[in-house]
Protein backbone atom coordinates (compact mmCIF):
# COMPACT_ATOMS: atom_id res chain seq x y z
CA MET A 1 -18.37 -24.12 11.33
CA SER A 2 -19.69 -27.65 10.79
CA ASN A 3 -20.76 -29.63 13.85
CA ASN A 4 -20.26 -33.10 12.38
CA THR A 5 -18.74 -36.20 13.94
CA VAL A 6 -16.69 -38.40 11.61
CA SER A 7 -15.80 -41.97 12.56
CA GLU A 8 -14.76 -44.99 10.50
CA GLY A 9 -16.62 -44.29 7.29
CA MET A 10 -19.59 -42.74 9.04
CA VAL A 11 -20.76 -39.17 9.49
CA VAL A 12 -23.29 -38.18 12.12
CA SER A 13 -24.87 -34.75 12.05
CA ASP A 14 -26.13 -32.80 15.02
CA VAL A 15 -27.72 -30.23 12.70
CA LYS A 16 -31.49 -30.58 12.71
CA THR A 17 -32.96 -30.99 9.27
CA GLU A 18 -36.63 -31.12 10.20
CA THR A 19 -38.29 -28.94 12.79
CA SER A 20 -41.77 -28.98 14.26
CA PRO A 21 -43.32 -25.84 15.69
CA LEU A 22 -45.68 -27.91 17.79
CA ARG A 23 -45.23 -27.74 21.52
CA ALA A 24 -47.06 -29.49 24.34
CA SER A 25 -50.12 -27.56 25.52
CA PRO A 26 -50.77 -26.95 29.22
CA SER A 27 -52.68 -29.76 30.84
CA LYS A 28 -56.33 -29.40 31.73
CA LYS A 29 -55.48 -29.63 35.42
CA TYR A 30 -52.95 -26.79 35.18
CA PHE A 31 -55.36 -24.61 33.21
CA TRP A 32 -58.23 -25.15 35.63
CA TYR A 33 -56.00 -24.50 38.65
CA ASN A 34 -54.92 -21.12 37.32
CA CYS A 35 -58.46 -20.15 36.35
CA SER A 36 -60.20 -21.40 39.50
CA PRO A 37 -59.99 -18.11 41.41
CA CYS A 38 -62.19 -16.59 38.70
CA CYS A 39 -64.84 -19.26 39.01
CA SER A 40 -67.33 -17.52 41.23
CA GLU A 41 -71.00 -17.79 40.39
CA ASP A 42 -70.97 -14.21 39.14
CA HIS A 43 -68.22 -14.91 36.66
CA SER A 44 -69.28 -18.36 35.44
CA ASN A 45 -70.67 -17.12 32.14
CA SER A 46 -67.57 -15.02 31.51
CA LEU A 47 -65.36 -18.02 32.25
CA LYS A 48 -67.29 -20.19 29.82
CA THR A 49 -66.76 -17.59 27.13
CA ILE A 50 -63.04 -17.39 27.88
CA VAL A 51 -62.69 -21.19 27.80
CA ILE A 52 -64.54 -21.47 24.49
CA VAL A 53 -62.45 -18.70 22.92
CA LEU A 54 -59.17 -20.14 24.19
CA PHE A 55 -59.89 -23.70 23.05
CA GLY A 56 -61.23 -22.50 19.73
CA THR A 57 -58.12 -20.40 19.13
CA THR A 58 -55.87 -23.29 20.18
CA GLY A 59 -57.63 -25.62 17.76
CA ILE A 60 -57.23 -23.19 14.87
CA ILE A 61 -53.53 -22.66 15.63
CA THR A 62 -52.93 -26.40 15.97
CA LEU A 63 -54.65 -27.10 12.66
CA ALA A 64 -52.59 -24.40 10.97
CA LEU A 65 -49.35 -25.77 12.40
CA LEU A 66 -50.18 -29.33 11.35
CA THR A 67 -50.94 -28.10 7.85
CA GLN A 68 -47.55 -26.34 7.80
CA VAL A 69 -45.74 -29.47 9.00
CA TYR A 70 -47.24 -31.76 6.40
CA TYR A 71 -47.87 -29.48 3.44
CA GLY A 72 -45.96 -26.25 3.93
CA GLU A 73 -42.40 -25.31 3.26
CA TYR A 74 -39.90 -26.65 5.77
CA GLN A 75 -38.36 -23.98 7.98
CA VAL A 76 -34.98 -25.67 8.11
CA GLN A 77 -31.31 -24.90 8.10
CA LYS A 78 -29.62 -25.75 4.80
CA SER A 79 -27.89 -29.10 5.18
CA GLY A 80 -27.20 -32.35 3.38
CA THR A 81 -25.11 -35.48 3.16
CA VAL A 82 -23.50 -37.57 0.43
CA ALA A 83 -22.22 -41.15 0.72
CA SER A 84 -20.02 -42.62 -2.02
CA ASP A 85 -16.91 -44.72 -2.67
CA SER A 86 -14.68 -41.63 -2.72
CA TYR A 87 -14.30 -38.96 -0.05
CA GLU A 88 -13.16 -36.56 -2.78
CA CYS A 89 -16.35 -37.21 -4.75
CA SER A 90 -18.56 -37.03 -1.64
CA ASN A 91 -17.08 -33.58 -0.94
CA ILE A 92 -17.79 -32.47 -4.51
CA GLY A 93 -21.42 -33.38 -3.89
CA ILE A 94 -21.42 -31.38 -0.65
CA ASP A 95 -19.91 -28.36 -2.43
CA VAL A 96 -22.82 -28.51 -4.86
CA LEU A 97 -25.32 -28.53 -2.00
CA LYS A 98 -23.55 -25.59 -0.34
CA ALA A 99 -23.74 -23.68 -3.63
CA GLY A 100 -27.53 -23.98 -3.61
CA GLY A 101 -27.93 -27.22 -5.51
CA ASN A 102 -30.33 -29.95 -4.50
CA ALA A 103 -29.85 -33.69 -4.00
CA VAL A 104 -30.22 -34.33 -7.74
CA ASP A 105 -27.44 -31.86 -8.56
CA ALA A 106 -25.19 -33.33 -5.88
CA GLY A 107 -25.85 -36.90 -7.05
CA ILE A 108 -25.00 -36.00 -10.65
CA ALA A 109 -21.75 -34.23 -9.72
CA THR A 110 -20.68 -37.07 -7.42
CA THR A 111 -21.43 -39.71 -10.05
CA PHE A 112 -19.41 -37.88 -12.71
CA CYS A 113 -16.54 -37.67 -10.22
CA LEU A 114 -16.70 -41.42 -9.56
CA GLY A 115 -16.44 -41.97 -13.32
CA VAL A 116 -12.98 -40.40 -13.04
CA VAL A 117 -11.48 -41.75 -9.80
CA ASN A 118 -13.12 -45.17 -10.16
CA PHE A 119 -12.98 -45.47 -13.94
CA HIS A 120 -12.58 -49.25 -13.56
CA VAL A 121 -16.12 -49.42 -12.12
CA THR A 122 -18.17 -46.68 -13.77
CA GLY A 123 -17.98 -43.78 -16.18
CA ILE A 124 -19.44 -42.16 -19.27
CA GLY A 125 -19.03 -45.42 -21.20
CA GLY A 126 -21.52 -47.18 -18.93
CA GLY A 127 -25.12 -46.94 -17.76
CA GLY A 128 -27.29 -47.19 -14.68
CA TYR A 129 -30.38 -46.14 -12.74
CA PHE A 130 -31.59 -42.98 -10.99
CA MET A 131 -34.30 -42.83 -8.32
CA LEU A 132 -35.68 -39.71 -6.63
CA TYR A 133 -37.90 -39.89 -3.55
CA ASN A 134 -39.35 -36.91 -1.67
CA HIS A 135 -40.33 -37.62 1.92
CA LYS A 136 -42.34 -34.44 2.24
CA LYS A 137 -44.64 -35.76 -0.50
CA HIS A 138 -44.11 -39.32 0.71
CA LYS A 139 -43.66 -40.72 -2.78
CA VAL A 140 -41.17 -41.72 -5.45
CA ILE A 141 -40.92 -38.74 -7.78
CA ASP A 142 -39.12 -40.47 -10.64
CA VAL A 143 -37.12 -43.46 -11.81
CA ILE A 144 -34.83 -43.06 -14.81
CA ASP A 145 -33.49 -46.20 -16.48
CA PHE A 146 -30.30 -45.28 -18.32
CA ARG A 147 -29.11 -48.83 -18.84
CA GLU A 148 -27.13 -49.42 -22.01
CA VAL A 149 -29.04 -50.43 -25.17
CA THR A 150 -28.03 -53.27 -27.47
CA PRO A 151 -27.13 -52.14 -31.03
CA ALA A 152 -29.84 -52.80 -33.63
CA ALA A 153 -27.61 -55.02 -35.78
CA TYR A 154 -26.79 -57.29 -32.83
CA ASN A 155 -27.65 -60.88 -33.76
CA VAL A 156 -25.75 -63.44 -31.73
CA GLU A 157 -26.99 -66.99 -31.28
CA SER A 158 -25.10 -67.81 -28.08
CA ASN A 159 -22.96 -66.10 -25.47
CA GLU A 160 -19.92 -68.02 -26.72
CA ASP A 161 -20.07 -65.88 -29.85
CA LEU A 162 -19.85 -62.66 -27.83
CA VAL A 163 -16.33 -61.39 -28.20
CA ASP A 164 -14.65 -58.02 -27.89
CA GLY A 165 -16.79 -55.25 -29.42
CA LEU A 166 -19.98 -57.32 -29.58
CA VAL A 167 -20.42 -57.00 -25.79
CA VAL A 168 -20.62 -53.19 -25.92
CA GLY A 169 -24.00 -51.51 -25.55
CA VAL A 170 -24.76 -47.87 -26.33
CA PRO A 171 -23.84 -46.02 -23.10
CA GLY A 172 -26.63 -44.30 -21.18
CA PHE A 173 -24.58 -42.63 -18.44
CA VAL A 174 -24.47 -39.10 -19.88
CA LYS A 175 -28.08 -39.07 -21.13
CA GLY A 176 -29.41 -40.44 -17.85
CA LEU A 177 -27.75 -37.78 -15.73
CA TRP A 178 -28.64 -35.10 -18.29
CA ASP A 179 -32.33 -36.06 -18.16
CA ALA A 180 -32.30 -36.04 -14.35
CA HIS A 181 -30.79 -32.54 -14.42
CA GLU A 182 -33.22 -31.25 -17.04
CA LYS A 183 -36.17 -32.39 -14.92
CA TYR A 184 -35.01 -31.59 -11.40
CA GLY A 185 -31.63 -29.82 -11.33
CA LYS A 186 -31.15 -26.32 -9.96
CA LEU A 187 -27.54 -25.42 -10.75
CA PRO A 188 -26.13 -25.09 -14.30
CA TRP A 189 -25.10 -28.40 -15.89
CA LYS A 190 -21.56 -27.12 -16.42
CA ASP A 191 -21.14 -26.64 -12.66
CA LEU A 192 -21.87 -30.33 -12.10
CA VAL A 193 -19.50 -31.78 -14.71
CA THR A 194 -16.54 -29.38 -14.43
CA PRO A 195 -15.36 -30.63 -11.00
CA ALA A 196 -14.89 -34.09 -12.52
CA SER A 197 -13.02 -32.76 -15.56
CA ASN A 198 -10.75 -30.71 -13.29
CA LEU A 199 -10.01 -33.78 -11.21
CA ALA A 200 -9.14 -35.81 -14.32
CA ARG A 201 -6.85 -33.03 -15.53
CA ASN A 202 -5.14 -32.16 -12.26
CA GLY A 203 -4.78 -35.74 -11.09
CA PHE A 204 -6.07 -37.94 -8.28
CA SER A 205 -4.67 -40.60 -5.99
CA ILE A 206 -4.83 -44.17 -7.28
CA SER A 207 -7.00 -46.35 -5.06
CA LYS A 208 -6.34 -49.81 -3.69
CA SER A 209 -9.47 -50.97 -5.52
CA LEU A 210 -8.10 -49.84 -8.88
CA ILE A 211 -4.77 -51.58 -8.29
CA SER A 212 -6.58 -54.80 -7.34
CA VAL A 213 -8.50 -54.78 -10.61
CA ILE A 214 -5.37 -54.86 -12.78
CA SER A 215 -5.28 -58.63 -12.34
CA TYR A 216 -8.62 -58.84 -14.18
CA ILE A 217 -7.24 -57.47 -17.44
CA LYS A 218 -7.22 -59.90 -20.35
CA PRO A 219 -4.64 -59.22 -23.08
CA SER A 220 -6.38 -58.32 -26.32
CA PRO A 221 -5.37 -56.48 -29.49
CA TYR A 222 -8.23 -54.06 -28.76
CA ASN A 223 -7.23 -52.94 -25.25
CA SER A 224 -3.60 -51.91 -25.67
CA ASN A 225 -4.32 -48.30 -24.57
CA LEU A 226 -5.94 -49.56 -21.39
CA VAL A 227 -3.13 -52.03 -20.67
CA LEU A 228 -0.53 -49.27 -21.00
CA LEU A 229 -2.48 -47.06 -18.60
CA LEU A 230 -3.04 -49.76 -15.98
CA ASN A 231 0.54 -50.97 -16.08
CA SER A 232 1.73 -47.44 -15.30
CA LEU A 233 -0.32 -47.16 -12.11
CA ARG A 234 1.07 -47.41 -8.59
CA GLN A 235 -1.11 -47.34 -5.48
CA GLY A 236 -1.05 -44.01 -3.67
CA LYS A 237 0.53 -42.20 -6.62
CA ASN A 238 -1.31 -39.60 -8.65
CA VAL A 239 -2.56 -40.07 -12.19
CA SER A 240 -4.01 -37.59 -14.68
CA LEU A 241 -6.43 -38.55 -17.45
CA HIS A 242 -6.05 -35.73 -19.96
CA GLU A 243 -8.13 -37.26 -22.77
CA LEU A 244 -11.02 -37.93 -20.38
CA ALA A 245 -10.71 -34.39 -18.97
CA ALA A 246 -11.03 -32.91 -22.46
CA THR A 247 -14.06 -35.11 -23.19
CA LEU A 248 -15.77 -34.02 -19.97
CA ASP A 249 -15.06 -30.38 -20.86
CA ILE A 250 -16.98 -30.87 -24.10
CA ILE A 251 -19.90 -32.52 -22.28
CA ALA A 252 -19.91 -29.77 -19.64
CA LEU A 253 -20.05 -27.05 -22.28
CA LYS A 254 -22.38 -28.61 -24.87
CA GLY A 255 -24.49 -31.08 -22.88
CA ALA A 256 -25.48 -34.66 -23.62
CA ASP A 257 -25.93 -34.04 -27.34
CA ALA A 258 -22.16 -33.64 -27.68
CA PHE A 259 -21.72 -37.23 -26.53
CA TYR A 260 -24.35 -38.81 -28.79
CA ASN A 261 -23.84 -36.71 -31.92
CA GLY A 262 -20.44 -35.62 -33.17
CA SER A 263 -16.82 -36.61 -32.85
CA ILE A 264 -17.18 -38.51 -29.55
CA ALA A 265 -19.89 -40.74 -31.03
CA MET A 266 -17.93 -41.28 -34.25
CA ASP A 267 -14.83 -42.32 -32.35
CA MET A 268 -16.85 -44.66 -30.13
CA VAL A 269 -18.46 -46.40 -33.11
CA TYR A 270 -15.09 -46.64 -34.87
CA THR A 271 -13.48 -48.16 -31.76
CA VAL A 272 -16.26 -50.73 -31.35
CA LYS A 273 -16.15 -51.75 -35.02
CA LEU A 274 -12.38 -52.21 -34.85
CA ALA A 275 -13.13 -54.74 -32.10
CA ASN A 276 -15.64 -56.55 -34.35
CA GLY A 277 -18.69 -54.89 -32.80
CA SER A 278 -21.94 -53.91 -34.49
CA MET A 279 -22.65 -50.44 -33.08
CA SER A 280 -23.65 -47.73 -35.56
CA LEU A 281 -23.89 -43.94 -35.43
CA GLN A 282 -27.66 -44.31 -35.67
CA ASP A 283 -27.66 -46.55 -32.58
CA VAL A 284 -25.82 -43.87 -30.63
CA ALA A 285 -27.88 -40.92 -31.91
CA GLN A 286 -31.18 -42.67 -31.15
CA TYR A 287 -30.29 -43.63 -27.58
CA ASP A 288 -32.87 -42.55 -25.02
CA THR A 289 -33.60 -43.20 -21.37
CA SER A 290 -36.72 -44.88 -20.05
CA ASN A 291 -39.05 -43.93 -17.21
CA GLY A 292 -38.90 -47.06 -15.09
CA ASP A 293 -41.75 -48.42 -13.04
CA VAL A 294 -41.63 -48.68 -9.25
CA LEU A 295 -41.79 -51.98 -7.34
CA ARG A 296 -42.12 -52.53 -3.61
CA THR A 297 -42.54 -55.19 -0.98
CA GLN A 298 -43.04 -55.17 2.78
CA ILE A 299 -40.44 -56.74 5.07
CA GLY A 300 -41.56 -56.53 8.68
CA ASP A 301 -42.21 -52.86 9.45
CA TYR A 302 -40.44 -51.66 6.32
CA ASP A 303 -41.34 -50.93 2.71
CA VAL A 304 -38.52 -51.77 0.29
CA ILE A 305 -38.80 -49.71 -2.91
CA VAL A 306 -36.85 -50.37 -6.12
CA PRO A 307 -37.11 -49.64 -9.84
CA GLY A 308 -38.40 -52.32 -12.15
CA SER A 309 -37.58 -52.27 -15.87
CA SER A 310 -34.14 -53.75 -16.67
CA SER A 311 -32.76 -53.34 -13.13
CA GLY A 312 -32.14 -56.04 -10.54
CA GLY A 313 -34.90 -54.57 -8.38
CA ALA A 314 -37.45 -57.32 -9.04
CA LEU A 315 -34.88 -59.99 -8.19
CA LEU A 316 -34.00 -58.18 -4.94
CA LEU A 317 -37.65 -58.17 -3.86
CA ASN A 318 -37.89 -61.89 -4.66
CA TYR A 319 -34.79 -62.44 -2.52
CA MET A 320 -36.20 -60.48 0.42
CA ASP A 321 -39.64 -62.09 0.33
CA ALA A 322 -38.04 -65.54 0.34
CA ILE A 323 -35.59 -64.65 3.12
CA GLU A 324 -38.35 -63.28 5.34
CA MET A 325 -40.19 -66.61 5.08
CA LEU A 326 -37.15 -68.42 6.53
CA ASP A 327 -37.88 -66.93 9.97
CA LEU A 328 -34.15 -66.74 10.73
CA LYS A 329 -33.12 -66.22 14.36
CA PRO A 330 -29.48 -65.14 14.82
CA ASP A 331 -29.68 -65.86 18.54
CA VAL A 332 -30.71 -69.48 17.82
CA ASP A 333 -29.31 -70.45 14.41
CA THR A 334 -25.58 -70.98 14.10
CA SER A 335 -23.52 -68.89 11.67
CA ALA A 336 -23.19 -71.90 9.36
CA GLU A 337 -26.96 -72.49 9.40
CA ILE A 338 -27.68 -68.86 8.56
CA VAL A 339 -25.19 -68.77 5.68
CA LEU A 340 -26.49 -72.10 4.34
CA LYS A 341 -30.14 -71.04 4.52
CA LEU A 342 -29.39 -67.67 2.95
CA SER A 343 -27.30 -69.15 0.15
CA ASP A 344 -29.95 -71.82 -0.56
CA THR A 345 -32.65 -69.16 -0.70
CA LEU A 346 -30.67 -66.80 -2.93
CA HIS A 347 -29.74 -69.68 -5.22
CA ASP A 348 -33.34 -70.91 -5.58
CA ALA A 349 -34.73 -67.41 -6.14
CA TYR A 350 -32.06 -66.78 -8.76
CA LEU A 351 -32.96 -69.97 -10.67
CA LEU A 352 -36.62 -68.92 -10.71
CA PHE A 353 -35.52 -65.54 -12.04
CA LEU A 354 -33.57 -67.26 -14.85
CA GLN A 355 -36.71 -69.11 -15.93
CA LYS A 356 -38.53 -65.80 -16.43
CA VAL A 357 -35.75 -64.01 -18.34
CA ASN A 358 -34.91 -65.52 -21.69
CA GLY A 359 -31.28 -65.46 -22.67
CA PHE A 360 -29.85 -64.05 -19.44
CA VAL A 361 -26.26 -65.09 -18.78
CA GLU A 362 -24.80 -65.01 -15.28
CA GLN A 363 -21.81 -62.71 -14.86
CA PRO A 364 -19.11 -63.71 -12.37
CA GLU A 365 -18.67 -60.20 -10.98
CA PRO A 366 -21.60 -57.81 -11.55
CA VAL A 367 -20.41 -54.52 -10.10
CA GLY A 368 -21.43 -50.90 -9.89
CA SER A 369 -20.83 -47.60 -8.15
CA GLN A 370 -23.53 -46.16 -5.93
CA VAL A 371 -24.23 -42.66 -4.61
CA SER A 372 -26.73 -41.74 -1.87
CA VAL A 373 -27.74 -38.12 -1.24
CA VAL A 374 -30.16 -36.36 1.12
CA ASP A 375 -30.78 -32.61 1.08
CA SER A 376 -32.57 -30.19 3.41
CA GLU A 377 -35.75 -30.35 1.31
CA ASP A 378 -36.04 -34.06 2.17
CA ASN A 379 -35.16 -35.17 -1.36
CA TYR A 380 -33.53 -38.60 -1.37
CA VAL A 381 -31.48 -39.52 -4.43
CA THR A 382 -29.83 -42.85 -5.13
CA ILE A 383 -27.86 -43.42 -8.35
CA THR A 384 -26.35 -46.76 -9.30
CA SER A 385 -24.07 -46.76 -12.33
CA GLY A 386 -21.35 -48.91 -13.83
CA LEU A 387 -19.59 -50.65 -16.69
CA ASN A 388 -21.36 -53.95 -15.80
CA THR A 389 -18.22 -55.77 -14.58
CA TRP A 390 -14.73 -54.68 -13.53
CA LEU A 391 -13.26 -52.72 -16.47
CA GLY A 392 -16.33 -53.48 -18.60
CA SER A 393 -15.37 -54.52 -22.14
CA GLN A 394 -11.74 -53.50 -21.44
CA ILE A 395 -11.92 -51.36 -24.58
CA MET A 396 -10.89 -47.70 -24.18
CA THR A 397 -11.73 -45.04 -26.76
CA SER A 398 -9.27 -42.37 -27.85
CA TYR A 399 -11.46 -39.94 -25.90
CA GLY A 400 -10.26 -41.56 -22.69
CA PHE A 401 -13.20 -43.60 -21.39
CA ILE A 402 -13.76 -47.35 -21.04
CA LEU A 403 -16.76 -48.95 -22.74
CA ASN A 404 -19.19 -51.27 -20.98
CA ASN A 405 -19.80 -54.98 -21.60
CA ALA A 406 -23.54 -54.86 -20.78
CA VAL A 407 -24.61 -56.89 -23.82
CA SER A 408 -22.84 -59.94 -22.37
CA ASN A 409 -25.70 -60.21 -19.83
CA GLY A 410 -28.31 -60.99 -22.47
CA GLY A 411 -31.95 -61.16 -21.36
CA LEU A 412 -32.98 -58.17 -23.47
CA ASN A 413 -36.26 -56.46 -22.62
CA GLU A 414 -38.60 -54.82 -25.12
CA GLU A 415 -36.33 -51.75 -25.23
CA ARG A 416 -33.31 -53.96 -25.97
CA ARG A 417 -31.77 -53.19 -22.60
CA PRO A 418 -29.87 -56.14 -21.11
CA VAL A 419 -30.98 -57.32 -17.67
CA SER A 420 -28.85 -55.90 -14.87
CA MET A 421 -28.07 -56.98 -11.31
CA ALA A 422 -27.87 -53.34 -10.17
CA SER A 423 -30.57 -51.38 -8.38
CA PRO A 424 -31.12 -48.21 -6.35
CA ILE A 425 -33.03 -48.90 -3.11
CA ILE A 426 -35.19 -46.83 -0.75
CA VAL A 427 -36.37 -48.37 2.55
CA LEU A 428 -39.07 -46.73 4.69
CA GLN A 429 -40.37 -47.69 8.11
CA ASN A 430 -44.09 -47.84 7.37
CA SER A 431 -45.33 -47.63 10.96
CA GLU A 432 -44.24 -43.99 11.39
CA PHE A 433 -44.20 -41.05 8.97
CA CYS A 434 -40.80 -39.89 10.23
CA GLY A 435 -39.51 -43.33 11.18
CA LYS A 436 -36.30 -44.87 9.88
CA ARG A 437 -35.45 -44.28 6.23
CA TYR A 438 -32.54 -45.82 4.35
CA ILE A 439 -31.15 -44.59 1.03
CA LEU A 440 -28.82 -47.07 -0.66
CA GLY A 441 -28.20 -49.17 -3.76
CA SER A 442 -25.91 -51.83 -5.15
CA GLY A 443 -24.36 -53.06 -8.36
CA ASP A 444 -25.23 -56.60 -7.23
CA VAL A 445 -28.57 -57.16 -5.52
CA ALA A 446 -27.34 -60.41 -3.95
CA MET A 447 -25.02 -58.25 -1.83
CA ALA A 448 -27.86 -55.85 -1.03
CA ALA A 449 -30.06 -58.76 0.08
CA GLN A 450 -27.45 -59.81 2.64
CA LEU A 451 -27.14 -56.26 3.99
CA LEU A 452 -30.92 -55.81 4.20
CA THR A 453 -31.25 -59.14 5.99
CA ASN A 454 -28.91 -57.85 8.71
CA LEU A 455 -30.64 -54.49 8.82
CA LEU A 456 -34.35 -55.32 8.57
CA ILE A 457 -34.64 -58.91 9.78
CA PHE A 458 -31.82 -59.20 12.33
CA ASN A 459 -32.32 -55.56 13.45
CA ARG A 460 -28.62 -54.79 13.43
CA ASN A 461 -27.37 -51.23 13.17
CA VAL A 462 -26.32 -49.81 9.81
CA SER A 463 -22.57 -49.91 10.40
CA SER A 464 -22.65 -53.56 11.46
CA SER A 465 -24.98 -54.47 8.59
CA ILE A 466 -22.63 -52.87 6.04
CA GLU A 467 -19.39 -54.28 7.39
CA SER A 468 -20.64 -57.82 8.15
CA PRO A 469 -18.95 -60.46 5.94
CA ARG A 470 -20.72 -61.23 2.67
CA PHE A 471 -20.55 -64.08 0.20
CA ASN A 472 -20.92 -64.46 -3.55
CA ILE A 473 -22.80 -67.37 -5.10
CA ASP A 474 -21.73 -68.99 -8.33
CA ASN A 475 -25.06 -70.53 -9.21
CA ILE A 476 -24.07 -72.80 -12.10
CA PRO A 477 -22.22 -74.88 -10.95
CA ARG A 478 -23.07 -73.84 -7.44
CA HIS A 479 -20.41 -72.91 -4.92
CA LEU A 480 -19.78 -70.14 -2.40
CA ARG A 481 -17.06 -67.54 -2.56
CA LEU A 482 -16.36 -65.76 0.72
CA GLU A 483 -14.87 -62.29 1.14
CA ASP A 484 -11.51 -62.07 2.86
CA HIS A 485 -12.73 -58.88 4.53
CA ASP A 486 -12.50 -57.73 8.12
CA PRO A 487 -14.52 -58.98 9.93
CA GLU A 488 -14.21 -62.41 8.34
CA PHE A 489 -16.58 -65.35 8.47
CA SER A 490 -15.97 -67.34 11.63
CA VAL A 491 -14.26 -70.73 11.55
CA ASP A 492 -17.46 -72.17 13.08
CA ALA A 493 -19.30 -71.08 9.93
CA ILE A 494 -16.73 -72.12 7.33
CA VAL A 495 -15.84 -75.65 8.53
CA PRO A 496 -19.39 -77.10 8.33
CA LEU A 497 -19.98 -75.38 4.98
CA ARG A 498 -16.89 -76.98 3.43
CA GLN A 499 -18.47 -80.37 4.03
CA LEU A 500 -21.53 -79.37 2.01
CA MET A 501 -20.20 -77.41 -0.95
CA LYS A 502 -17.15 -75.95 -2.61
CA ILE A 503 -15.84 -72.86 -0.79
CA GLU A 504 -13.49 -70.31 -2.34
CA LYS A 505 -12.24 -66.82 -1.57
CA VAL A 506 -13.51 -63.78 -3.45
CA LEU A 507 -10.66 -61.88 -5.05
CA PRO A 508 -10.53 -58.17 -4.17
CA PRO A 509 -11.75 -55.55 -4.74
CA TYR A 510 -15.05 -56.21 -2.98
CA LYS A 511 -18.43 -54.76 -3.87
CA SER A 512 -19.49 -51.84 -1.71
CA ILE A 513 -22.86 -50.50 -0.54
CA ASN A 514 -23.18 -46.95 0.81
CA VAL A 515 -26.12 -46.03 3.05
CA ILE A 516 -27.74 -42.92 4.46
CA GLU A 517 -29.99 -43.42 7.48
CA LYS A 518 -32.53 -40.82 8.55
CA LEU A 519 -34.70 -40.92 11.67
CA ILE A 520 -36.87 -37.88 12.44
CA ASP A 521 -34.30 -35.04 12.20
CA SER A 522 -31.15 -37.13 12.63
CA ILE A 523 -28.99 -38.14 9.64
CA LYS A 524 -26.18 -40.68 9.67
CA SER A 525 -24.11 -41.42 6.57
CA TYR A 526 -22.04 -44.53 5.94
CA SER A 527 -19.56 -45.46 3.22
CA ASP A 528 -18.69 -49.15 2.96
CA SER A 529 -15.01 -49.69 3.81
CA ARG A 530 -14.84 -52.12 0.88
CA GLY A 531 -15.16 -49.17 -1.50
CA GLY A 532 -12.49 -47.10 0.22
CA GLY A 533 -14.64 -43.99 0.44
CA ARG A 534 -16.08 -41.78 3.15
CA PRO A 535 -19.31 -39.81 3.37
CA ALA A 536 -19.41 -36.03 3.65
CA GLN A 537 -21.93 -33.81 5.38
CA PHE A 538 -22.67 -30.23 6.36
């Protein structure tokens, strides 16, 4: 029976996941006291021999135990935790761990599930980033960039010319998760995809987030299937996605190749071309992932680690370096001063970023879905995926999945991947080997910067850092948009800000960030209430 405590989007485990066989040795005083009766002149040589043998043996045992702790196999009870925007999906990840899968397997299964229940945020028509860290080896094992790729025939002079199908990039979702599984997975691929296809077939409860997104839909001759689906939804009711279920069945049985070569690819290209896009079958067949580089910076006692490549990781590190230089003091600065300084810093860092990335176009709502997983082997997995914005391109294929609008970002790198605001994140306390570790990620690194400011600079706890009010910045023209989320920004913060800049409310749904915290052998999991999910643990 599980011994977990669940409270308000957080799971705390009392199951130890790391053990040390080391125990305190008797003190010198205690040892000498117990041996003193033997210390007559006649027995002095014998005592010396005993002491030497005992200390020598103790040293050998200690060295062996230290070697086991740092380099050997952990002698631990099987355990793990998953944090996502869906309790149903978090539990699917836990089921995978219980079946003998590792954190990579659980992350893949959870991400496929989110592509069903949160199809307005992520899915097989999108892309993303995968990062694997192993604390036993104390290093990042791999970064996989499965961001969408711009079609070869794409040739648009300005963003104003980007309409309908031209915004769609070749999806990387399936190939990215497939590559992660091929390298590091333990369970069969089919076992990781089938739970999502069953959920799509049998039905799932419609979330508040999905209902909120309906207002974002823009009538178009190319999204009639999607409009019909969304208009039929009612919060709290169940919906089945039979076409998507059948598509996932094919992917589960035949692997990633079934998505990039065959009828699914042909239908995707046909759908994009009907919407005046330029995607070809060759574009789809030639899609491949990229092994991203690893970037890091130090904030106080913490190392912040992110992928580079097309992700928003580099921008996040720029944000955090600039914020640390502000020397903010929450016990001295007013709420308005903190928000103003943070927004100024994020705005300035963003403008510097724009100067370095040719052709990047700011998106009003960069979003993504994020999964954090920790297993008993001390593997940490964070996967950030998405359609780029709410509902992506708003074009749905006849195979039941929505296509991304990643190309609208511009700023193509050498691999023709558009720049993204999304990034997985690993944070490590560098002063201690088993100090605090945070596994998280975000579809918008501006949101992650605000959370990390609370966590690493203001030293707030994880729950408070996640749930604290956040703001969006529209950089050009500049104004702030505040979440209408509980807790809200205080009146003392808002009134002075209104005198300095335009202030608006952010329309729901709000962007979520899910976090796992580990300290020595204690694990705490948190799902952001904005996402409507809950973590799961065993």
